Amino acid sequence: MTVYFIGAGPGAPDLITLRGARLLGECRTCLYAGSLVPGDMLELCPDDAVLVDTARMPLPDIVDHIVAAHERGHDVARLHSGDLSIYSALAEQQRELRARGIPYEIVPGVPAFAAAAAALDTELTVPGVGQSLLITRVSTLSTDMPHGEDLANLAATGVTLALHLAAHRAGQIVEALAPHYGSECPTATVAFASRPNQQVVRCALSRLPETLDAADIRKTAIIFVGRVLDAMTDPEVTDSYLYSHARMTKLRETPHP
């Protein structure tokens, strides 16, 4: 018996990976967050699978369901939205399973920021403009940021930002970022990326609070901040070296080993 932590992707049912879909179709028990995982994805589960919505369930209850499935000899699909590597609450579940000797495996998924970038029709690393992406969030009443990782400190790098779980703190974002990025720095916010109710709004950093408020975007959104968001319309942006004539010429002139 194995617990498969499966990244369900950003929302569209067909953005789960082939491996994730296959395992979902084989597991006799599936635990999922009903508030984040699309119901259509559960159609991939076996007809007789035990389905458990964990959206309002504390960790001990989730673990109890996994233990019960383990005792029945069921493989378990533990569906998480996006990818397990960020903001998934995976670590505490791993600790519980390790303590009980229950084997598990992680199956990666399409992260929300990648789906949001696709919705924006943009590349997040543009030659001469930005080659780094910093994924972070803001402090909330429930979860504070570690020392040294507050938004103002991170903003000092000046790199492109992808802010998760932050739409309800737009004013805080502007206050922290404007001194480093400038009030007219472009932003783009994607809510519910890849889903039928997807929303995309663009504005200057200084107008972020009023723009999100007007669009009624409060959660399930990625906020991008950085100059790369305007790179498509910037005539001074150069092409990458990857497909350049100079590189192709160099490759042809380089002897094969």
C-alpha atoms as a PDB file:
ATOM      1  CA  MET A   1       0.000   0.000   0.000  1.00  0.00           C
ATOM      2  CA  THR A   2       1.326   3.449  -0.972  1.00  0.00           C
ATOM      3  CA  VAL A   3       0.085   7.014  -0.514  1.00  0.00           C
ATOM      4  CA  TYR A   4       0.535   8.997  -3.724  1.00  0.00           C
ATOM      5  CA  PHE A   5       0.706  12.737  -3.157  1.00  0.00           C
ATOM      6  CA  ILE A   6      -0.463  13.940  -6.561  1.00  0.00           C
ATOM      7  CA  GLY A   7      -0.206  17.476  -7.881  1.00  0.00           C
ATOM      8  CA  ALA A   8      -3.619  18.026  -9.458  1.00  0.00           C
ATOM      9  CA  GLY A   9      -2.490  21.087 -11.396  1.00  0.00           C
ATOM     10  CA  PRO A  10      -3.918  24.619 -11.365  1.00  0.00           C
ATOM     11  CA  GLY A  11      -7.585  23.817 -11.918  1.00  0.00           C
ATOM     12  CA  ALA A  12      -8.393  22.554 -15.402  1.00  0.00           C
ATOM     13  CA  PRO A  13      -9.085  18.805 -15.085  1.00  0.00           C
ATOM     14  CA  ASP A  14      -6.969  17.962 -18.131  1.00  0.00           C
ATOM     15  CA  LEU A  15      -3.852  19.644 -16.712  1.00  0.00           C
ATOM     16  CA  ILE A  16      -3.117  16.737 -14.389  1.00  0.00           C
ATOM     17  CA  THR A  17      -0.082  14.773 -15.572  1.00  0.00           C
ATOM     18  CA  LEU A  18      -0.404  11.411 -17.301  1.00  0.00           C
ATOM     19  CA  ARG A  19       1.213   9.736 -14.295  1.00  0.00           C
ATOM     20  CA  GLY A  20      -1.133  11.483 -11.902  1.00  0.00           C
ATOM     21  CA  ALA A  21      -4.196  10.496 -13.939  1.00  0.00           C
ATOM     22  CA  ARG A  22      -3.053   6.883 -14.140  1.00  0.00           C
ATOM     23  CA  LEU A  23      -2.497   6.613 -10.405  1.00  0.00           C
ATOM     24  CA  LEU A  24      -5.772   8.342  -9.655  1.00  0.00           C
ATOM     25  CA  GLY A  25      -7.484   5.670 -11.710  1.00  0.00           C
ATOM     26  CA  GLU A  26      -5.811   2.896  -9.692  1.00  0.00           C
ATOM     27  CA  CYS A  27      -6.188   4.105  -6.093  1.00  0.00           C
ATOM     28  CA  ARG A  28      -9.114   2.745  -4.081  1.00  0.00           C
ATOM     29  CA  THR A  29      -9.123   5.762  -1.746  1.00  0.00           C
ATOM     30  CA  CYS A  30      -8.829   9.419  -2.747  1.00  0.00           C
ATOM     31  CA  LEU A  31      -8.423  12.346  -0.366  1.00  0.00           C
ATOM     32  CA  TYR A  32      -8.872  15.754  -2.005  1.00  0.00           C
ATOM     33  CA  ALA A  33      -9.571  19.379  -1.080  1.00  0.00           C
ATOM     34  CA  GLY A  34     -12.992  20.028  -2.552  1.00  0.00           C
ATOM     35  CA  SER A  35     -12.472  23.791  -2.468  1.00  0.00           C
ATOM     36  CA  LEU A  36      -9.462  23.578  -4.790  1.00  0.00           C
ATOM     37  CA  VAL A  37      -9.569  20.334  -6.784  1.00  0.00           C
ATOM     38  CA  PRO A  38     -12.119  20.296  -9.643  1.00  0.00           C
ATOM     39  CA  GLY A  39     -14.903  17.770  -9.233  1.00  0.00           C
ATOM     40  CA  ASP A  40     -14.462  16.609 -12.835  1.00  0.00           C
ATOM     41  CA  MET A  41     -11.047  15.221 -11.912  1.00  0.00           C
ATOM     42  CA  LEU A  42     -12.657  12.750  -9.515  1.00  0.00           C
ATOM     43  CA  GLU A  43     -14.252  11.050 -12.512  1.00  0.00           C
ATOM     44  CA  LEU A  44     -10.823   9.489 -13.058  1.00  0.00           C
ATOM     45  CA  CYS A  45     -11.162   7.558  -9.788  1.00  0.00           C
ATOM     46  CA  PRO A  46     -12.382   3.933  -9.780  1.00  0.00           C
ATOM     47  CA  ASP A  47     -16.174   3.619  -9.535  1.00  0.00           C
ATOM     48  CA  ASP A  48     -15.912   2.033  -6.099  1.00  0.00           C
ATOM     49  CA  ALA A  49     -13.271   4.393  -4.722  1.00  0.00           C
ATOM     50  CA  VAL A  50     -13.704   5.930  -1.290  1.00  0.00           C
ATOM     51  CA  LEU A  51     -13.741   9.730  -1.803  1.00  0.00           C
ATOM     52  CA  VAL A  52     -12.919  11.999   1.134  1.00  0.00           C
ATOM     53  CA  ASP A  53     -13.181  15.803   0.934  1.00  0.00           C
ATOM     54  CA  THR A  54     -10.542  17.275   3.259  1.00  0.00           C
ATOM     55  CA  ALA A  55     -11.345  20.941   2.648  1.00  0.00           C
ATOM     56  CA  ARG A  56     -12.463  21.560   6.255  1.00  0.00           C
ATOM     57  CA  MET A  57     -10.668  18.669   7.889  1.00  0.00           C
ATOM     58  CA  PRO A  58      -7.852  19.030  10.458  1.00  0.00           C
ATOM     59  CA  LEU A  59      -4.616  17.124   9.963  1.00  0.00           C
ATOM     60  CA  PRO A  60      -5.334  14.346  12.531  1.00  0.00           C
ATOM     61  CA  ASP A  61      -8.570  13.452  10.729  1.00  0.00           C
ATOM     62  CA  ILE A  62      -6.808  13.374   7.365  1.00  0.00           C
ATOM     63  CA  VAL A  63      -4.164  11.051   8.779  1.00  0.00           C
ATOM     64  CA  ASP A  64      -6.875   8.838  10.307  1.00  0.00           C
ATOM     65  CA  HIS A  65      -8.435   8.357   6.862  1.00  0.00           C
ATOM     66  CA  ILE A  66      -5.048   7.455   5.394  1.00  0.00           C
ATOM     67  CA  VAL A  67      -4.365   4.984   8.205  1.00  0.00           C
ATOM     68  CA  ALA A  68      -7.796   3.404   7.689  1.00  0.00           C
ATOM     69  CA  ALA A  69      -7.098   3.015   3.970  1.00  0.00           C
ATOM     70  CA  HIS A  70      -3.705   1.528   4.814  1.00  0.00           C
ATOM     71  CA  GLU A  71      -5.365  -1.045   7.063  1.00  0.00           C
ATOM     72  CA  ARG A  72      -7.765  -1.945   4.231  1.00  0.00           C
ATOM     73  CA  GLY A  73      -4.808  -2.407   1.894  1.00  0.00           C
ATOM     74  CA  HIS A  74      -5.845   0.485  -0.340  1.00  0.00           C
ATOM     75  CA  ASP A  75      -3.436   2.649  -2.282  1.00  0.00           C
ATOM     76  CA  VAL A  76      -4.305   6.291  -1.567  1.00  0.00           C
ATOM     77  CA  ALA A  77      -4.402   9.230  -3.956  1.00  0.00           C
ATOM     78  CA  ARG A  78      -3.845  12.400  -1.943  1.00  0.00           C
ATOM     79  CA  LEU A  79      -4.754  15.180  -4.386  1.00  0.00           C
ATOM     80  CA  HIS A  80      -3.311  18.657  -3.890  1.00  0.00           C
ATOM     81  CA  SER A  81      -3.865  21.625  -6.171  1.00  0.00           C
ATOM     82  CA  GLY A  82      -0.937  22.866  -8.259  1.00  0.00           C
ATOM     83  CA  ASP A  83       2.374  21.207  -7.458  1.00  0.00           C
ATOM     84  CA  LEU A  84       3.412  19.694  -4.126  1.00  0.00           C
ATOM     85  CA  SER A  85       6.662  21.643  -3.917  1.00  0.00           C
ATOM     86  CA  ILE A  86       5.101  24.955  -2.804  1.00  0.00           C
ATOM     87  CA  TYR A  87       2.335  25.915  -0.365  1.00  0.00           C
ATOM     88  CA  SER A  88       0.907  22.397  -0.223  1.00  0.00           C
ATOM     89  CA  ALA A  89       1.121  21.607   3.526  1.00  0.00           C
ATOM     90  CA  LEU A  90       2.929  18.448   2.433  1.00  0.00           C
ATOM     91  CA  ALA A  91       5.660  18.492   5.092  1.00  0.00           C
ATOM     92  CA  GLU A  92       3.392  17.842   8.084  1.00  0.00           C
ATOM     93  CA  GLN A  93       1.677  14.956   6.308  1.00  0.00           C
ATOM     94  CA  GLN A  94       5.059  13.439   5.453  1.00  0.00           C
ATOM     95  CA  ARG A  95       6.081  13.573   9.108  1.00  0.00           C
ATOM     96  CA  GLU A  96       2.916  11.772  10.178  1.00  0.00           C
ATOM     97  CA  LEU A  97       3.306   9.028   7.570  1.00  0.00           C
ATOM     98  CA  ARG A  98       6.975   8.501   8.345  1.00  0.00           C
ATOM     99  CA  ALA A  99       6.168   8.157  12.040  1.00  0.00           C
ATOM    100  CA  ARG A 100       3.693   5.399  11.170  1.00  0.00           C
ATOM    101  CA  GLY A 101       5.883   3.657   8.621  1.00  0.00           C
ATOM    102  CA  ILE A 102       3.405   4.277   5.786  1.00  0.00           C
ATOM    103  CA  PRO A 103       5.155   4.506   2.398  1.00  0.00           C
ATOM    104  CA  TYR A 104       4.426   7.428   0.097  1.00  0.00           C
ATOM    105  CA  GLU A 105       5.472   8.870  -3.245  1.00  0.00           C
ATOM    106  CA  ILE A 106       5.280  12.404  -4.642  1.00  0.00           C
ATOM    107  CA  VAL A 107       3.876  12.944  -8.143  1.00  0.00           C
ATOM    108  CA  PRO A 108       4.563  16.486  -9.405  1.00  0.00           C
ATOM    109  CA  GLY A 109       1.899  18.643 -11.015  1.00  0.00           C
ATOM    110  CA  VAL A 110       1.593  21.805 -13.107  1.00  0.00           C
ATOM    111  CA  PRO A 111       2.186  24.737 -10.721  1.00  0.00           C
ATOM    112  CA  ALA A 112      -0.309  27.580 -10.592  1.00  0.00           C
ATOM    113  CA  PHE A 113       2.244  30.219 -11.591  1.00  0.00           C
ATOM    114  CA  ALA A 114       2.968  28.338 -14.848  1.00  0.00           C
ATOM    115  CA  ALA A 115      -0.730  28.227 -15.741  1.00  0.00           C
ATOM    116  CA  ALA A 116      -1.011  31.917 -14.869  1.00  0.00           C
ATOM    117  CA  ALA A 117       1.923  32.784 -17.129  1.00  0.00           C
ATOM    118  CA  ALA A 118       0.240  30.860 -19.945  1.00  0.00           C
ATOM    119  CA  ALA A 119      -2.933  32.870 -19.372  1.00  0.00           C
ATOM    120  CA  LEU A 120      -0.855  36.038 -19.718  1.00  0.00           C
ATOM    121  CA  ASP A 121       0.646  34.774 -22.984  1.00  0.00           C
ATOM    122  CA  THR A 122       4.090  35.626 -21.692  1.00  0.00           C
ATOM    123  CA  GLU A 123       7.526  34.252 -20.865  1.00  0.00           C
ATOM    124  CA  LEU A 124       8.702  35.132 -17.389  1.00  0.00           C
ATOM    125  CA  THR A 125      12.424  35.129 -18.248  1.00  0.00           C
ATOM    126  CA  VAL A 126      13.281  37.555 -21.039  1.00  0.00           C
ATOM    127  CA  PRO A 127      16.871  38.204 -22.221  1.00  0.00           C
ATOM    128  CA  GLY A 128      18.164  41.575 -21.076  1.00  0.00           C
ATOM    129  CA  VAL A 129      15.111  42.211 -18.892  1.00  0.00           C
ATOM    130  CA  GLY A 130      14.818  39.459 -16.292  1.00  0.00           C
ATOM    131  CA  GLN A 131      16.244  35.977 -15.836  1.00  0.00           C
ATOM    132  CA  SER A 132      14.950  35.215 -12.353  1.00  0.00           C
ATOM    133  CA  LEU A 133      11.562  34.495 -10.816  1.00  0.00           C
ATOM    134  CA  LEU A 134      11.018  34.797  -7.075  1.00  0.00           C
ATOM    135  CA  ILE A 135       7.989  32.883  -5.786  1.00  0.00           C
ATOM    136  CA  THR A 136       6.736  34.131  -2.442  1.00  0.00           C
ATOM    137  CA  ARG A 137       3.720  35.325  -0.463  1.00  0.00           C
ATOM    138  CA  VAL A 138       2.866  37.807   2.285  1.00  0.00           C
ATOM    139  CA  SER A 139       2.362  37.437   6.008  1.00  0.00           C
ATOM    140  CA  THR A 140      -1.166  36.708   7.176  1.00  0.00           C
ATOM    141  CA  LEU A 141      -2.851  36.398  10.539  1.00  0.00           C
ATOM    142  CA  SER A 142      -2.607  32.604  10.304  1.00  0.00           C
ATOM    143  CA  THR A 143       0.936  32.213   8.933  1.00  0.00           C
ATOM    144  CA  ASP A 144       3.753  34.707   9.396  1.00  0.00           C
ATOM    145  CA  MET A 145       6.766  34.918   7.120  1.00  0.00           C
ATOM    146  CA  PRO A 146      10.131  33.708   8.495  1.00  0.00           C
ATOM    147  CA  HIS A 147      12.680  36.280   9.636  1.00  0.00           C
ATOM    148  CA  GLY A 148      14.380  37.910   6.652  1.00  0.00           C
ATOM    149  CA  GLU A 149      11.730  36.796   4.159  1.00  0.00           C
ATOM    150  CA  ASP A 150       9.399  39.756   4.477  1.00  0.00           C
ATOM    151  CA  LEU A 151       8.330  41.237   1.153  1.00  0.00           C
ATOM    152  CA  ALA A 152      10.331  44.440   1.486  1.00  0.00           C
ATOM    153  CA  ASN A 153      13.583  42.489   1.937  1.00  0.00           C
ATOM    154  CA  LEU A 154      12.840  40.196  -0.986  1.00  0.00           C
ATOM    155  CA  ALA A 155      11.886  43.158  -3.174  1.00  0.00           C
ATOM    156  CA  ALA A 156      15.382  44.571  -2.815  1.00  0.00           C
ATOM    157  CA  THR A 157      16.545  41.995  -5.377  1.00  0.00           C
ATOM    158  CA  GLY A 158      14.404  43.673  -8.063  1.00  0.00           C
ATOM    159  CA  VAL A 159      13.641  40.365  -9.794  1.00  0.00           C
ATOM    160  CA  THR A 160      10.267  39.358 -11.208  1.00  0.00           C
ATOM    161  CA  LEU A 161       7.897  38.343  -8.429  1.00  0.00           C
ATOM    162  CA  ALA A 162       5.134  35.742  -8.392  1.00  0.00           C
ATOM    163  CA  LEU A 163       3.022  36.362  -5.304  1.00  0.00           C
ATOM    164  CA  HIS A 164       0.781  33.547  -4.111  1.00  0.00           C
ATOM    165  CA  LEU A 165      -1.963  33.836  -1.498  1.00  0.00           C
ATOM    166  CA  ALA A 166      -1.653  37.621  -1.502  1.00  0.00           C
ATOM    167  CA  ALA A 167      -4.582  39.188  -3.389  1.00  0.00           C
ATOM    168  CA  HIS A 168      -6.285  40.241  -0.156  1.00  0.00           C
ATOM    169  CA  ARG A 169      -3.166  42.205   0.860  1.00  0.00           C
ATOM    170  CA  ALA A 170      -2.777  44.428  -2.212  1.00  0.00           C
ATOM    171  CA  GLY A 171      -2.177  47.559  -0.146  1.00  0.00           C
ATOM    172  CA  GLN A 172       0.595  45.827   1.787  1.00  0.00           C
ATOM    173  CA  ILE A 173       2.153  44.704  -1.491  1.00  0.00           C
ATOM    174  CA  VAL A 174       2.246  48.235  -2.907  1.00  0.00           C
ATOM    175  CA  GLU A 175       3.726  49.636   0.289  1.00  0.00           C
ATOM    176  CA  ALA A 176       6.521  47.045   0.301  1.00  0.00           C
ATOM    177  CA  LEU A 177       7.328  47.017  -3.411  1.00  0.00           C
ATOM    178  CA  ALA A 178       6.911  50.600  -4.645  1.00  0.00           C
ATOM    179  CA  PRO A 179      10.222  51.852  -3.174  1.00  0.00           C
ATOM    180  CA  HIS A 180      12.089  49.152  -5.108  1.00  0.00           C
ATOM    181  CA  TYR A 181      10.061  48.679  -8.308  1.00  0.00           C
ATOM    182  CA  GLY A 182       8.525  52.124  -8.732  1.00  0.00           C
ATOM    183  CA  SER A 183       4.831  52.956  -8.637  1.00  0.00           C
ATOM    184  CA  GLU A 184       4.450  52.499 -12.405  1.00  0.00           C
ATOM    185  CA  CYS A 185       5.995  49.028 -12.539  1.00  0.00           C
ATOM    186  CA  PRO A 186       3.664  46.692 -14.462  1.00  0.00           C
ATOM    187  CA  THR A 187       1.690  44.034 -12.629  1.00  0.00           C
ATOM    188  CA  ALA A 188      -0.524  41.236 -13.899  1.00  0.00           C
ATOM    189  CA  THR A 189      -2.903  39.226 -11.762  1.00  0.00           C
ATOM    190  CA  VAL A 190      -4.453  35.923 -12.795  1.00  0.00           C
ATOM    191  CA  ALA A 191      -7.265  34.515 -10.691  1.00  0.00           C
ATOM    192  CA  PHE A 192      -8.440  30.906 -11.073  1.00  0.00           C
ATOM    193  CA  ALA A 193      -5.845  30.193 -13.772  1.00  0.00           C
ATOM    194  CA  SER A 194      -6.952  27.604 -16.364  1.00  0.00           C
ATOM    195  CA  ARG A 195     -10.504  27.413 -14.994  1.00  0.00           C
ATOM    196  CA  PRO A 196     -13.706  28.557 -16.730  1.00  0.00           C
ATOM    197  CA  ASN A 197     -13.921  31.545 -14.355  1.00  0.00           C
ATOM    198  CA  GLN A 198     -10.335  32.655 -15.014  1.00  0.00           C
ATOM    199  CA  GLN A 199      -9.726  36.401 -14.688  1.00  0.00           C
ATOM    200  CA  VAL A 200      -6.764  38.443 -15.904  1.00  0.00           C
ATOM    201  CA  VAL A 201      -6.173  42.064 -14.889  1.00  0.00           C
ATOM    202  CA  ARG A 202      -3.180  44.285 -15.596  1.00  0.00           C
ATOM    203  CA  CYS A 203      -2.280  47.591 -14.019  1.00  0.00           C
ATOM    204  CA  ALA A 204       0.566  49.684 -12.654  1.00  0.00           C
ATOM    205  CA  LEU A 205       1.727  48.703  -9.190  1.00  0.00           C
ATOM    206  CA  SER A 206       0.252  51.820  -7.578  1.00  0.00           C
ATOM    207  CA  ARG A 207      -3.228  50.926  -8.870  1.00  0.00           C
ATOM    208  CA  LEU A 208      -3.174  47.288  -7.744  1.00  0.00           C
ATOM    209  CA  PRO A 209      -5.535  47.620  -4.733  1.00  0.00           C
ATOM    210  CA  GLU A 210      -8.303  49.436  -6.608  1.00  0.00           C
ATOM    211  CA  THR A 211      -7.940  47.189  -9.674  1.00  0.00           C
ATOM    212  CA  LEU A 212      -8.253  43.958  -7.709  1.00  0.00           C
ATOM    213  CA  ASP A 213     -11.119  45.420  -5.707  1.00  0.00           C
ATOM    214  CA  ALA A 214     -12.986  46.399  -8.874  1.00  0.00           C
ATOM    215  CA  ALA A 215     -12.511  42.869 -10.272  1.00  0.00           C
ATOM    216  CA  ASP A 216     -13.530  41.335  -6.925  1.00  0.00           C
ATOM    217  CA  ILE A 217     -10.315  39.284  -6.850  1.00  0.00           C
ATOM    218  CA  ARG A 218      -9.601  38.281  -3.268  1.00  0.00           C
ATOM    219  CA  LYS A 219      -8.111  34.762  -3.399  1.00  0.00           C
ATOM    220  CA  THR A 220      -6.927  31.919  -5.663  1.00  0.00           C
ATOM    221  CA  ALA A 221      -4.790  34.366  -7.630  1.00  0.00           C
ATOM    222  CA  ILE A 222      -1.173  34.867  -8.656  1.00  0.00           C
ATOM    223  CA  ILE A 223       0.145  38.436  -8.773  1.00  0.00           C
ATOM    224  CA  PHE A 224       3.177  39.021 -11.011  1.00  0.00           C
ATOM    225  CA  VAL A 225       5.294  42.143 -10.607  1.00  0.00           C
ATOM    226  CA  GLY A 226       8.170  43.031 -12.904  1.00  0.00           C
ATOM    227  CA  ARG A 227       9.384  44.642 -16.108  1.00  0.00           C
ATOM    228  CA  VAL A 228       9.174  41.369 -18.050  1.00  0.00           C
ATOM    229  CA  LEU A 229       5.406  41.877 -18.195  1.00  0.00           C
ATOM    230  CA  ASP A 230       5.940  44.687 -20.712  1.00  0.00           C
ATOM    231  CA  ALA A 231       8.722  42.965 -22.643  1.00  0.00           C
ATOM    232  CA  MET A 232       6.453  41.873 -25.519  1.00  0.00           C
ATOM    233  CA  THR A 233       5.875  45.508 -26.478  1.00  0.00           C
ATOM    234  CA  ASP A 234       9.368  46.817 -25.734  1.00  0.00           C
ATOM    235  CA  PRO A 235      11.232  47.462 -29.024  1.00  0.00           C
ATOM    236  CA  GLU A 236      14.600  47.418 -27.245  1.00  0.00           C
ATOM    237  CA  VAL A 237      14.297  43.818 -26.031  1.00  0.00           C
ATOM    238  CA  THR A 238      16.758  41.522 -27.812  1.00  0.00           C
ATOM    239  CA  ASP A 239      16.232  37.923 -28.878  1.00  0.00           C
ATOM    240  CA  SER A 240      17.838  35.119 -26.908  1.00  0.00           C
ATOM    241  CA  TYR A 241      21.172  33.619 -27.946  1.00  0.00           C
ATOM    242  CA  LEU A 242      19.650  30.133 -28.025  1.00  0.00           C
ATOM    243  CA  TYR A 243      18.338  30.288 -31.613  1.00  0.00           C
ATOM    244  CA  SER A 244      20.583  33.048 -32.923  1.00  0.00           C
ATOM    245  CA  HIS A 245      22.588  32.801 -36.166  1.00  0.00           C
ATOM    246  CA  ALA A 246      25.744  33.374 -34.114  1.00  0.00           C
ATOM    247  CA  ARG A 247      25.103  30.297 -31.994  1.00  0.00           C
ATOM    248  CA  MET A 248      24.150  28.134 -34.968  1.00  0.00           C
ATOM    249  CA  THR A 249      27.310  29.184 -36.777  1.00  0.00           C
ATOM    250  CA  LYS A 250      29.386  28.372 -33.714  1.00  0.00           C
ATOM    251  CA  LEU A 251      27.744  24.958 -33.423  1.00  0.00           C
ATOM    252  CA  ARG A 252      28.489  24.156 -37.054  1.00  0.00           C
ATOM    253  CA  GLU A 253      32.097  25.197 -36.654  1.00  0.00           C
ATOM    254  CA  THR A 254      32.638  23.221 -33.462  1.00  0.00           C
ATOM    255  CA  PRO A 255      33.965  19.721 -34.216  1.00  0.00           C
ATOM    256  CA  HIS A 256      31.949  16.840 -32.798  1.00  0.00           C
ATOM    257  CA  PRO A 257      33.790  14.741 -30.178  1.00  0.00           C
END
